Amino acid sequence: MRRGFAVFVVFLPALLAACAQGTRPVGDLATLSCDAQLAYIDALVAQNGVRNASASPVAGFASLRANRNSVLLARQLDEDGDGQVDQPDRWRDFIAQMRGLDRDARQSEMANLPVVSGVSFDQIEACANTMATSLMPDQYPVLSAAVFVPDDYLDFQRIAGLYPITAFAAYFGYEGWKQENFASFEQRGEDIASLGTWYDYLVPDQTDDGFNDITLDAFGLLQPTGAELEKLARAYAPVFRVRTGSESDKVGQPTLPTRDALAVVDTDHPNIYYRLSHTYFAGKWRPQIVYEIWFPERPATSRFDILAGHFDALVWRVTLDDDGTPLIGDAIHGCGCYHMFFPSNRLQRITAPEDNDIRETAEMPARYVDQSILKQPVLWIDETSHYLLKLTDARADTMAGNMIRQNASLRPARDLSQLPLQNGQGTASLFDEDGFVPGTERLEWILLWPMGVEKPGAMRQWGHHATAFVGRRHFDEPDLMDRYFTPR
């Protein structure tokens, strides 16, 4: 152990005690080793409960965090399985992917600290970069073993809840929901439009994608600048067409009044949030643009409505081919529920293991969708439940003139991890340390806890969307599309 880190360990209690009182820590943290500085910040983050759960720590490598893509990238470095890096040219990009996850999470954590840390983010970032640069391919066996992301299922609940038996009740409930709700995808847009008042939330001044100008790393992962990603997000942004019966159906901006208060949605400022993801499909990494909108609540329709609750959200994702052509869209709610797939006619549905039993599989309520629709879709969303009803083509939309137009701001999804407090006393995350939006729990947990999904119905942070009650599936699994589809 280096001397600086040893000194740090001795004085850690005093440092944390000083920070807890809102004072500058004793001593100059810059004199400590980089290991010690990162350990200090991590301890301070833990003490103040501001951990960002978007990515998992990599044990023994404080400058890195991992997501499910990181796990697959680690395997792709060692394709022959001998425990050594087969393609050294990919090593730096592998490290950079996890360094980027740590950078984004750590930046919000340090910004959200309610106390003075005594060290700047730039200083910690310089240390983290130095530590990551020092990692060499011969460290792959230890590092790859540490790159791990736990799933979002609780096996002890499934055991206690007699999952092999109770899963049948969940299966029949889901089958009933599909029969009731998938019929709308066969209806004409005119007939759905006649059901009520509709608001169109859209991004003004949509642009061409500029897809071919963006750099790829050695794995083939898209590496856009912030400006390039925003341009890409504008190019594929859907129109969110919402049937609006009350304030609960209006899209807005999540806000936090104070650090410990429940978040609310400000419907005077509609936002559409976006992020970049990737999936490994048909032998290549494919970029995905992910959009999400937030509602104030899912209101109760009866005294015993177990699905009702504070906040609601809809997530739309489009997966792109090498030339930027949409391959497939899919959608979930903010709880991970109601996962639906909308493949283009470039793809073919293949038989999946789940097709032959009661596990949830890839549902295609609109069958195959024309690529022109997926490029700029209109997503028809019902009132109250916020269920997705239909997809149509925004560029061939003849009903837009009958809708109430609402221009929405396009915002990076990372903003949700660092919201300005309305009382002016800093920033805080919409999500707690476990990746949930506090106060959004639903009573459906009473029926669904045997399925092993923690807090079923609650709104979740990216990376924590379990999408199947019967079976196991996550929205961000890198091989998800490969499980169900193949190119024609």
Protein backbone atom coordinates (compact mmCIF):
# COMPACT_ATOMS: atom_id res chain seq x y z
CA MET A 1 0.00 0.00 0.00
CA ARG A 2 1.37 3.36 -0.98
CA ARG A 3 2.25 5.81 1.80
CA GLY A 4 -0.31 8.41 0.64
CA PHE A 5 -3.14 5.91 0.82
CA ALA A 6 -2.00 4.71 4.25
CA VAL A 7 -2.03 8.30 5.54
CA PHE A 8 -5.48 8.75 4.04
CA VAL A 9 -6.87 5.67 5.83
CA VAL A 10 -5.61 6.97 9.18
CA PHE A 11 -7.24 10.37 8.73
CA LEU A 12 -10.42 9.24 6.89
CA PRO A 13 -12.73 9.47 9.98
CA ALA A 14 -11.57 13.02 10.68
CA LEU A 15 -11.99 14.02 7.05
CA LEU A 16 -15.52 12.68 6.83
CA ALA A 17 -16.48 14.18 10.18
CA ALA A 18 -15.33 17.58 8.99
CA CYS A 19 -17.30 17.27 5.77
CA ALA A 20 -20.40 16.13 7.64
CA GLN A 21 -20.26 19.43 9.52
CA GLY A 22 -20.00 21.36 6.24
CA THR A 23 -16.40 22.46 6.79
CA ARG A 24 -13.32 22.02 4.67
CA PRO A 25 -11.50 18.76 5.52
CA VAL A 26 -8.32 18.94 7.55
CA GLY A 27 -5.20 18.80 5.43
CA ASP A 28 -4.57 19.12 1.71
CA LEU A 29 -6.25 16.29 -0.21
CA ALA A 30 -4.10 17.05 -3.25
CA THR A 31 -1.11 15.61 -1.40
CA LEU A 32 -2.80 12.20 -1.18
CA SER A 33 -2.40 9.54 -3.84
CA CYS A 34 -5.01 9.24 -6.59
CA ASP A 35 -6.23 6.00 -5.02
CA ALA A 36 -6.78 7.82 -1.75
CA GLN A 37 -8.53 10.80 -3.35
CA LEU A 38 -11.03 8.62 -5.21
CA ALA A 39 -11.59 6.48 -2.10
CA TYR A 40 -12.27 9.64 -0.11
CA ILE A 41 -14.83 10.92 -2.61
CA ASP A 42 -16.52 7.51 -2.83
CA ALA A 43 -16.79 7.38 0.96
CA LEU A 44 -18.21 10.91 1.06
CA VAL A 45 -20.76 10.03 -1.63
CA ALA A 46 -21.82 6.95 0.31
CA GLN A 47 -22.09 8.85 3.57
CA ASN A 48 -24.35 11.45 2.01
CA GLY A 49 -26.49 9.01 0.05
CA VAL A 50 -25.91 10.50 -3.41
CA ARG A 51 -24.57 7.47 -5.29
CA ASN A 52 -25.53 7.39 -8.96
CA ALA A 53 -26.77 3.85 -9.70
CA SER A 54 -26.62 4.15 -13.50
CA ALA A 55 -23.52 1.93 -13.69
CA SER A 56 -21.90 -0.64 -11.40
CA PRO A 57 -18.54 -0.10 -9.67
CA VAL A 58 -15.71 -2.31 -10.90
CA ALA A 59 -14.23 -3.82 -7.74
CA GLY A 60 -10.57 -2.93 -7.40
CA PHE A 61 -10.66 -0.34 -10.20
CA ALA A 62 -11.96 2.89 -8.71
CA SER A 63 -11.77 4.89 -11.94
CA LEU A 64 -14.10 2.54 -13.85
CA ARG A 65 -17.78 1.58 -13.79
CA ALA A 66 -19.59 -0.97 -15.92
CA ASN A 67 -22.92 -1.51 -17.61
CA ARG A 68 -24.22 -4.59 -19.42
CA ASN A 69 -22.43 -3.55 -22.61
CA SER A 70 -19.14 -3.50 -20.69
CA VAL A 71 -19.60 -7.16 -19.81
CA LEU A 72 -19.99 -8.13 -23.47
CA LEU A 73 -17.07 -5.91 -24.52
CA ALA A 74 -14.88 -7.73 -21.99
CA ARG A 75 -15.80 -11.07 -23.58
CA GLN A 76 -15.12 -9.71 -27.07
CA LEU A 77 -11.55 -8.88 -26.06
CA ASP A 78 -10.93 -12.59 -25.45
CA GLU A 79 -12.79 -14.36 -28.23
CA ASP A 80 -10.86 -17.64 -27.91
CA GLY A 81 -11.42 -17.82 -24.16
CA ASP A 82 -7.79 -18.26 -23.13
CA GLY A 83 -7.88 -15.41 -20.62
CA GLN A 84 -5.74 -13.08 -22.75
CA VAL A 85 -6.56 -10.03 -24.87
CA ASP A 86 -6.83 -11.17 -28.51
CA GLN A 87 -7.14 -7.70 -30.06
CA PRO A 88 -4.88 -5.23 -28.22
CA ASP A 89 -6.09 -2.36 -30.42
CA ARG A 90 -9.45 -2.59 -28.65
CA TRP A 91 -8.02 -2.39 -25.13
CA ARG A 92 -7.97 1.39 -24.84
CA ASP A 93 -11.55 1.70 -26.11
CA PHE A 94 -12.66 -0.94 -23.62
CA ILE A 95 -11.14 1.09 -20.79
CA ALA A 96 -12.54 4.33 -22.24
CA GLN A 97 -16.08 2.94 -22.28
CA MET A 98 -15.98 2.20 -18.55
CA ARG A 99 -14.06 5.39 -17.76
CA GLY A 100 -16.86 7.35 -19.46
CA LEU A 101 -19.50 5.64 -17.32
CA ASP A 102 -17.57 6.49 -14.18
CA ARG A 103 -17.00 10.06 -15.32
CA ASP A 104 -20.70 10.73 -15.91
CA ALA A 105 -21.78 9.13 -12.63
CA ARG A 106 -19.05 10.74 -10.54
CA GLN A 107 -19.72 14.19 -11.97
CA SER A 108 -23.34 14.11 -10.81
CA GLU A 109 -22.41 12.57 -7.46
CA MET A 110 -19.93 15.32 -6.66
CA ALA A 111 -22.30 18.03 -7.86
CA ASN A 112 -25.11 16.62 -5.69
CA LEU A 113 -23.05 16.46 -2.49
CA PRO A 114 -24.76 18.62 0.16
CA VAL A 115 -21.37 19.30 1.78
CA VAL A 116 -18.08 20.79 0.61
CA SER A 117 -15.81 18.00 -0.59
CA GLY A 118 -12.55 19.91 -0.39
CA VAL A 119 -11.50 18.68 -3.83
CA SER A 120 -12.65 19.68 -7.31
CA PHE A 121 -14.19 17.41 -9.91
CA ASP A 122 -11.40 18.35 -12.35
CA GLN A 123 -8.82 17.21 -9.83
CA ILE A 124 -10.58 13.89 -9.26
CA GLU A 125 -11.07 13.46 -13.00
CA ALA A 126 -7.37 13.98 -13.66
CA CYS A 127 -6.59 11.30 -11.07
CA ALA A 128 -9.14 8.89 -12.53
CA ASN A 129 -7.76 9.38 -16.04
CA THR A 130 -4.21 8.74 -14.81
CA MET A 131 -5.30 5.53 -13.10
CA ALA A 132 -7.17 4.32 -16.18
CA THR A 133 -4.25 5.10 -18.50
CA SER A 134 -1.97 2.96 -16.37
CA LEU A 135 -4.08 -0.15 -16.98
CA MET A 136 -2.44 -2.58 -19.41
CA PRO A 137 -3.72 -5.65 -21.32
CA ASP A 138 -1.85 -8.01 -19.01
CA GLN A 139 -4.30 -6.95 -16.28
CA TYR A 140 -7.21 -8.32 -18.32
CA PRO A 141 -7.74 -11.54 -16.28
CA VAL A 142 -8.26 -9.59 -13.06
CA LEU A 143 -10.21 -6.73 -14.65
CA SER A 144 -12.56 -8.91 -16.71
CA ALA A 145 -13.47 -10.91 -13.61
CA ALA A 146 -14.41 -7.67 -11.84
CA VAL A 147 -16.61 -6.33 -14.67
CA PHE A 148 -19.98 -7.45 -13.40
CA VAL A 149 -23.51 -6.04 -13.41
CA PRO A 150 -26.09 -7.74 -11.19
CA ASP A 151 -29.52 -8.36 -12.65
CA ASP A 152 -32.62 -6.67 -11.28
CA TYR A 153 -34.36 -9.81 -10.05
CA LEU A 154 -34.49 -10.94 -6.43
CA ASP A 155 -34.23 -14.72 -6.32
CA PHE A 156 -35.15 -14.93 -2.63
CA GLN A 157 -38.53 -13.34 -3.43
CA ARG A 158 -39.14 -15.85 -6.20
CA ILE A 159 -38.31 -18.70 -3.85
CA ALA A 160 -40.48 -17.34 -1.04
CA GLY A 161 -43.30 -16.55 -3.46
CA LEU A 162 -43.37 -20.02 -5.04
CA TYR A 163 -42.55 -18.49 -8.43
CA PRO A 164 -43.00 -21.71 -10.49
CA ILE A 165 -46.64 -21.72 -9.39
CA THR A 166 -47.53 -18.04 -9.01
CA ALA A 167 -45.95 -17.18 -12.39
CA PHE A 168 -49.00 -18.72 -14.07
CA ALA A 169 -51.27 -16.07 -12.55
CA ALA A 170 -48.97 -13.31 -13.86
CA TYR A 171 -48.91 -15.00 -17.27
CA PHE A 172 -52.69 -15.11 -17.60
CA GLY A 173 -52.98 -11.52 -16.39
CA TYR A 174 -50.53 -10.35 -19.05
CA GLU A 175 -52.33 -12.34 -21.76
CA GLY A 176 -55.55 -10.61 -20.79
CA TRP A 177 -53.88 -7.21 -20.96
CA LYS A 178 -52.57 -7.94 -24.47
CA GLN A 179 -55.99 -8.97 -25.77
CA GLU A 180 -57.50 -5.79 -24.38
CA ASN A 181 -54.86 -3.33 -25.54
CA PHE A 182 -53.21 -4.59 -28.73
CA ALA A 183 -56.37 -4.18 -30.83
CA SER A 184 -55.80 -0.42 -31.11
CA PHE A 185 -52.81 -0.98 -33.43
CA GLU A 186 -55.27 -2.25 -36.06
CA GLN A 187 -57.56 0.79 -35.80
CA ARG A 188 -57.47 3.72 -38.19
CA GLY A 189 -55.80 6.86 -36.94
CA GLU A 190 -58.96 8.84 -37.66
CA ASP A 191 -60.98 6.62 -35.37
CA ILE A 192 -58.49 6.92 -32.52
CA ALA A 193 -58.26 10.69 -33.02
CA SER A 194 -62.01 11.01 -32.50
CA LEU A 195 -61.75 9.63 -28.95
CA GLY A 196 -60.73 12.92 -27.33
CA THR A 197 -58.37 15.88 -27.22
CA TRP A 198 -54.80 15.20 -28.32
CA TYR A 199 -51.56 17.08 -27.64
CA ASP A 200 -48.57 16.69 -29.95
CA TYR A 201 -45.21 17.02 -28.15
CA LEU A 202 -42.47 17.41 -30.72
CA VAL A 203 -38.98 18.72 -31.23
CA PRO A 204 -38.97 21.75 -33.54
CA ASP A 205 -36.42 22.16 -36.32
CA GLN A 206 -35.64 18.49 -36.89
CA THR A 207 -32.45 17.99 -38.91
CA ASP A 208 -30.81 15.43 -41.16
CA ASP A 209 -29.00 12.81 -39.10
CA GLY A 210 -25.36 13.40 -40.19
CA PHE A 211 -24.87 9.77 -39.23
CA ASN A 212 -21.94 8.97 -41.51
CA ASP A 213 -19.77 11.76 -40.11
CA ILE A 214 -19.56 10.36 -36.58
CA THR A 215 -16.42 8.55 -35.36
CA LEU A 216 -16.45 4.85 -34.47
CA ASP A 217 -14.17 3.22 -31.92
CA ALA A 218 -12.30 -0.07 -32.47
CA PHE A 219 -15.36 -2.11 -31.47
CA GLY A 220 -17.61 -0.19 -33.88
CA LEU A 221 -19.36 1.82 -31.17
CA LEU A 222 -20.53 5.28 -32.21
CA GLN A 223 -18.54 8.05 -30.51
CA PRO A 224 -20.42 11.31 -31.11
CA THR A 225 -19.59 14.64 -29.57
CA GLY A 226 -22.33 16.25 -27.52
CA ALA A 227 -23.39 18.38 -30.49
CA GLU A 228 -23.38 15.39 -32.84
CA LEU A 229 -25.52 13.35 -30.47
CA GLU A 230 -28.05 16.15 -30.11
CA LYS A 231 -28.24 16.44 -33.89
CA LEU A 232 -28.78 12.69 -34.15
CA ALA A 233 -31.47 12.83 -31.46
CA ARG A 234 -33.26 15.60 -33.35
CA ALA A 235 -33.21 13.60 -36.56
CA TYR A 236 -35.02 10.56 -35.14
CA ALA A 237 -37.17 12.23 -32.48
CA PRO A 238 -40.76 10.96 -32.50
CA VAL A 239 -43.90 13.00 -32.04
CA PHE A 240 -45.49 12.02 -28.74
CA ARG A 241 -49.22 12.36 -29.41
CA VAL A 242 -51.03 12.14 -26.07
CA ARG A 243 -54.76 11.87 -25.52
CA THR A 244 -55.25 14.43 -22.77
CA GLY A 245 -58.09 14.25 -20.29
CA SER A 246 -56.40 15.95 -17.35
CA GLU A 247 -53.16 17.51 -16.13
CA SER A 248 -51.94 13.96 -15.45
CA ASP A 249 -51.63 13.42 -19.21
CA LYS A 250 -49.41 16.42 -19.90
CA VAL A 251 -45.71 15.93 -20.58
CA GLY A 252 -43.37 18.00 -18.46
CA GLN A 253 -40.05 18.47 -16.74
CA PRO A 254 -39.25 16.60 -13.51
CA THR A 255 -38.23 19.04 -10.78
CA LEU A 256 -37.20 18.82 -7.12
CA PRO A 257 -38.46 21.51 -4.71
CA THR A 258 -35.88 20.62 -2.03
CA ARG A 259 -33.30 17.90 -1.48
CA ASP A 260 -35.57 15.57 0.50
CA ALA A 261 -38.89 16.39 -1.17
CA LEU A 262 -40.75 14.24 -3.68
CA ALA A 263 -40.15 15.26 -7.28
CA VAL A 264 -42.96 16.83 -9.30
CA VAL A 265 -43.47 17.29 -13.04
CA ASP A 266 -43.68 20.86 -14.28
CA THR A 267 -46.08 20.63 -17.24
CA ASP A 268 -45.42 24.25 -18.25
CA HIS A 269 -42.04 23.13 -19.57
CA PRO A 270 -42.38 19.91 -21.62
CA ASN A 271 -39.10 18.10 -22.17
CA ILE A 272 -38.08 15.11 -24.25
CA TYR A 273 -34.97 13.44 -22.82
CA TYR A 274 -32.52 11.49 -24.97
CA ARG A 275 -29.50 9.25 -24.59
CA LEU A 276 -27.24 7.07 -26.76
CA SER A 277 -27.05 3.33 -26.22
CA HIS A 278 -25.80 0.37 -28.27
CA THR A 279 -26.89 -3.18 -28.96
CA TYR A 280 -24.89 -6.03 -30.46
CA PHE A 281 -27.02 -7.33 -33.32
CA ALA A 282 -26.16 -9.61 -36.25
CA GLY A 283 -22.43 -9.49 -35.49
CA LYS A 284 -22.11 -5.71 -35.16
CA TRP A 285 -22.61 -3.02 -32.55
CA ARG A 286 -25.59 -0.87 -33.56
CA PRO A 287 -26.40 2.57 -32.13
CA GLN A 288 -29.68 3.23 -30.38
CA ILE A 289 -31.29 6.58 -29.68
CA VAL A 290 -33.46 6.45 -26.57
CA TYR A 291 -36.16 9.02 -25.75
CA GLU A 292 -38.26 9.41 -22.62
CA ILE A 293 -41.11 11.62 -21.51
CA TRP A 294 -42.48 12.13 -18.00
CA PHE A 295 -46.03 12.62 -16.73
CA PRO A 296 -47.10 13.92 -13.28
CA GLU A 297 -48.87 10.68 -12.38
CA ARG A 298 -50.90 7.73 -13.45
CA PRO A 299 -54.22 8.71 -11.84
CA ALA A 300 -56.46 6.17 -10.15
CA THR A 301 -59.53 5.05 -12.07
CA SER A 302 -61.10 3.48 -9.00
CA ARG A 303 -60.60 3.22 -5.26
CA PHE A 304 -58.66 -0.02 -5.69
CA ASP A 305 -56.53 0.86 -8.74
CA ILE A 306 -53.24 -0.87 -7.94
CA LEU A 307 -51.53 0.55 -11.06
CA ALA A 308 -52.02 4.20 -10.09
CA GLY A 309 -49.28 6.28 -8.58
CA HIS A 310 -47.05 9.32 -8.52
CA PHE A 311 -45.19 9.95 -11.82
CA ASP A 312 -45.37 7.99 -15.04
CA ALA A 313 -43.02 7.77 -18.01
CA LEU A 314 -42.78 6.35 -21.52
CA VAL A 315 -39.51 5.28 -23.14
CA TRP A 316 -39.07 4.92 -26.93
CA ARG A 317 -35.92 3.50 -28.51
CA VAL A 318 -34.87 3.24 -32.15
CA THR A 319 -32.03 0.93 -33.24
CA LEU A 320 -30.12 2.01 -36.36
CA ASP A 321 -28.32 0.14 -39.13
CA ASP A 322 -24.84 1.00 -40.43
CA ASP A 323 -26.26 3.67 -42.75
CA GLY A 324 -28.55 5.21 -40.15
CA THR A 325 -31.67 3.43 -41.41
CA PRO A 326 -33.97 2.40 -38.54
CA LEU A 327 -34.00 -1.35 -37.96
CA ILE A 328 -36.43 -1.60 -35.07
CA GLY A 329 -38.19 0.45 -32.45
CA ASP A 330 -39.27 -0.71 -29.02
CA ALA A 331 -41.02 0.86 -26.06
CA ILE A 332 -41.49 0.44 -22.32
CA HIS A 333 -42.99 2.47 -19.50
CA GLY A 334 -40.74 4.00 -16.88
CA CYS A 335 -41.27 0.93 -14.69
CA GLY A 336 -39.92 -1.41 -17.39
CA CYS A 337 -43.43 -2.76 -17.99
CA TYR A 338 -45.33 -3.25 -21.27
CA HIS A 339 -42.32 -3.96 -23.48
CA MET A 340 -43.34 -3.89 -27.16
CA PHE A 341 -41.24 -4.36 -30.30
CA PHE A 342 -41.77 -2.70 -33.69
CA PRO A 343 -39.38 -4.32 -36.20
CA SER A 344 -38.93 -2.90 -39.69
CA ASN A 345 -39.39 -5.05 -42.76
CA ARG A 346 -35.59 -5.44 -42.87
CA LEU A 347 -35.87 -7.92 -40.00
CA GLN A 348 -37.40 -11.34 -39.51
CA ARG A 349 -38.76 -12.62 -36.21
CA ILE A 350 -37.05 -15.87 -35.21
CA THR A 351 -38.16 -18.49 -32.72
CA ALA A 352 -36.99 -17.71 -29.18
CA PRO A 353 -36.93 -20.13 -26.23
CA GLU A 354 -39.62 -18.05 -24.51
CA ASP A 355 -42.04 -18.69 -27.39
CA ASN A 356 -42.59 -22.26 -26.20
CA ASP A 357 -43.46 -21.62 -22.55
CA ILE A 358 -45.14 -19.00 -20.35
CA ARG A 359 -42.21 -16.56 -20.19
CA GLU A 360 -42.75 -13.11 -21.69
CA THR A 361 -41.38 -12.88 -25.21
CA ALA A 362 -41.05 -10.24 -27.94
CA GLU A 363 -44.55 -8.85 -28.57
CA MET A 364 -45.13 -7.24 -31.99
CA PRO A 365 -48.56 -5.55 -31.75
CA ALA A 366 -48.12 -3.74 -35.09
CA ARG A 367 -46.36 -6.69 -36.80
CA TYR A 368 -43.70 -5.23 -39.16
CA VAL A 369 -43.40 -1.47 -39.50
CA ASP A 370 -42.23 0.49 -42.53
CA GLN A 371 -38.83 2.13 -42.06
CA SER A 372 -40.24 5.54 -42.94
CA ILE A 373 -42.48 5.30 -39.87
CA LEU A 374 -39.57 4.40 -37.59
CA LYS A 375 -37.50 7.33 -38.89
CA GLN A 376 -39.98 9.88 -37.51
CA PRO A 377 -42.94 8.14 -35.88
CA VAL A 378 -46.03 9.53 -34.27
CA LEU A 379 -46.53 7.62 -31.02
CA TRP A 380 -50.21 7.63 -30.07
CA ILE A 381 -50.47 7.48 -26.25
CA ASP A 382 -53.69 6.99 -24.33
CA GLU A 383 -54.90 9.13 -21.44
CA THR A 384 -54.60 7.96 -17.81
CA SER A 385 -52.79 4.65 -18.52
CA HIS A 386 -50.37 6.21 -21.01
CA TYR A 387 -50.42 2.98 -22.98
CA LEU A 388 -49.01 3.11 -26.50
CA LEU A 389 -51.92 2.71 -28.94
CA LYS A 390 -50.52 3.06 -32.46
CA LEU A 391 -47.60 4.19 -34.64
CA THR A 392 -48.00 6.35 -37.75
CA ASP A 393 -45.65 8.31 -40.03
CA ALA A 394 -45.06 11.91 -38.91
CA ARG A 395 -44.06 12.97 -42.44
CA ALA A 396 -47.34 11.68 -43.88
CA ASP A 397 -49.50 12.87 -41.00
CA THR A 398 -52.80 14.36 -42.18
CA MET A 399 -54.19 14.92 -38.67
CA ALA A 400 -51.51 17.15 -37.16
CA GLY A 401 -53.66 20.21 -37.83
CA ASN A 402 -56.32 18.86 -35.48
CA MET A 403 -53.88 18.39 -32.60
CA ILE A 404 -52.72 20.90 -30.01
CA ARG A 405 -49.04 21.46 -30.82
CA GLN A 406 -46.55 21.68 -27.96
CA ASN A 407 -42.91 22.35 -28.79
CA ALA A 408 -40.74 20.37 -26.38
CA SER A 409 -37.16 21.01 -25.35
CA LEU A 410 -34.71 18.23 -26.19
CA ARG A 411 -32.56 17.52 -23.14
CA PRO A 412 -29.80 14.96 -22.38
CA ALA A 413 -31.14 12.26 -20.07
CA ARG A 414 -28.14 12.75 -17.77
CA ASP A 415 -29.82 16.01 -16.65
CA LEU A 416 -32.20 13.87 -14.58
CA SER A 417 -29.30 12.86 -12.34
CA GLN A 418 -28.51 16.47 -11.51
CA LEU A 419 -31.67 18.57 -11.16
CA PRO A 420 -31.38 22.13 -9.80
CA LEU A 421 -33.25 22.35 -6.50
CA GLN A 422 -36.09 24.86 -6.63
CA ASN A 423 -34.99 26.39 -3.31
CA GLY A 424 -31.65 27.30 -4.90
CA GLN A 425 -29.59 25.09 -2.57
CA GLY A 426 -27.68 23.01 -5.09
CA THR A 427 -28.66 19.99 -7.16
CA ALA A 428 -29.95 16.46 -6.54
CA SER A 429 -30.83 13.39 -8.57
CA LEU A 430 -34.34 12.36 -9.54
CA PHE A 431 -33.26 8.81 -8.60
CA ASP A 432 -32.23 7.31 -5.29
CA GLU A 433 -29.14 5.19 -4.65
CA ASP A 434 -30.93 2.04 -5.85
CA GLY A 435 -32.05 3.58 -9.14
CA PHE A 436 -35.71 4.29 -8.24
CA VAL A 437 -37.70 7.52 -8.27
CA PRO A 438 -38.79 7.89 -4.63
CA GLY A 439 -42.52 7.95 -4.02
CA THR A 440 -43.48 6.17 -7.25
CA GLU A 441 -44.20 2.74 -5.76
CA ARG A 442 -47.44 1.04 -6.85
CA LEU A 443 -49.76 -1.25 -4.92
CA GLU A 444 -49.31 -3.89 -7.60
CA TRP A 445 -46.35 -5.14 -5.59
CA ILE A 446 -48.90 -6.94 -3.41
CA LEU A 447 -49.69 -9.25 -6.32
CA LEU A 448 -46.38 -9.26 -8.21
CA TRP A 449 -43.70 -9.54 -5.51
CA PRO A 450 -43.34 -13.33 -6.12
CA MET A 451 -42.03 -12.47 -9.62
CA GLY A 452 -38.83 -11.18 -8.01
CA VAL A 453 -38.93 -7.67 -9.48
CA GLU A 454 -38.20 -5.13 -6.77
CA LYS A 455 -40.85 -2.40 -6.44
CA PRO A 456 -42.95 -3.43 -9.47
CA GLY A 457 -44.52 -0.40 -11.11
CA ALA A 458 -42.06 2.12 -9.64
CA MET A 459 -40.19 4.45 -12.01
CA ARG A 460 -36.59 3.41 -12.63
CA GLN A 461 -33.24 4.81 -13.74
CA TRP A 462 -31.63 3.66 -16.98
CA GLY A 463 -29.87 0.33 -16.45
CA HIS A 464 -32.51 -0.96 -14.02
CA HIS A 465 -35.45 -1.78 -16.28
CA ALA A 466 -36.36 -5.42 -15.80
CA THR A 467 -38.97 -5.91 -18.53
CA ALA A 468 -40.45 -9.35 -17.80
CA PHE A 469 -42.33 -10.50 -14.73
CA VAL A 470 -42.37 -14.06 -16.03
CA GLY A 471 -38.83 -14.86 -17.14
CA ARG A 472 -35.75 -12.62 -16.99
CA ARG A 473 -35.09 -9.75 -19.36
CA HIS A 474 -33.58 -6.27 -19.17
CA PHE A 475 -34.17 -3.38 -21.52
CA ASP A 476 -30.43 -2.68 -21.84
CA GLU A 477 -29.21 -6.23 -22.55
CA PRO A 478 -26.77 -5.91 -25.48
CA ASP A 479 -27.93 -9.14 -27.13
CA LEU A 480 -31.66 -8.50 -26.71
CA MET A 481 -32.42 -7.95 -30.40
CA ASP A 482 -30.36 -10.99 -31.42
CA ARG A 483 -32.58 -13.14 -29.21
CA TYR A 484 -35.68 -12.41 -31.28
CA PHE A 485 -34.72 -11.11 -34.73
CA THR A 486 -32.40 -11.63 -37.68
CA PRO A 487 -31.81 -9.59 -40.84
CA ARG A 488 -33.83 -10.72 -43.84
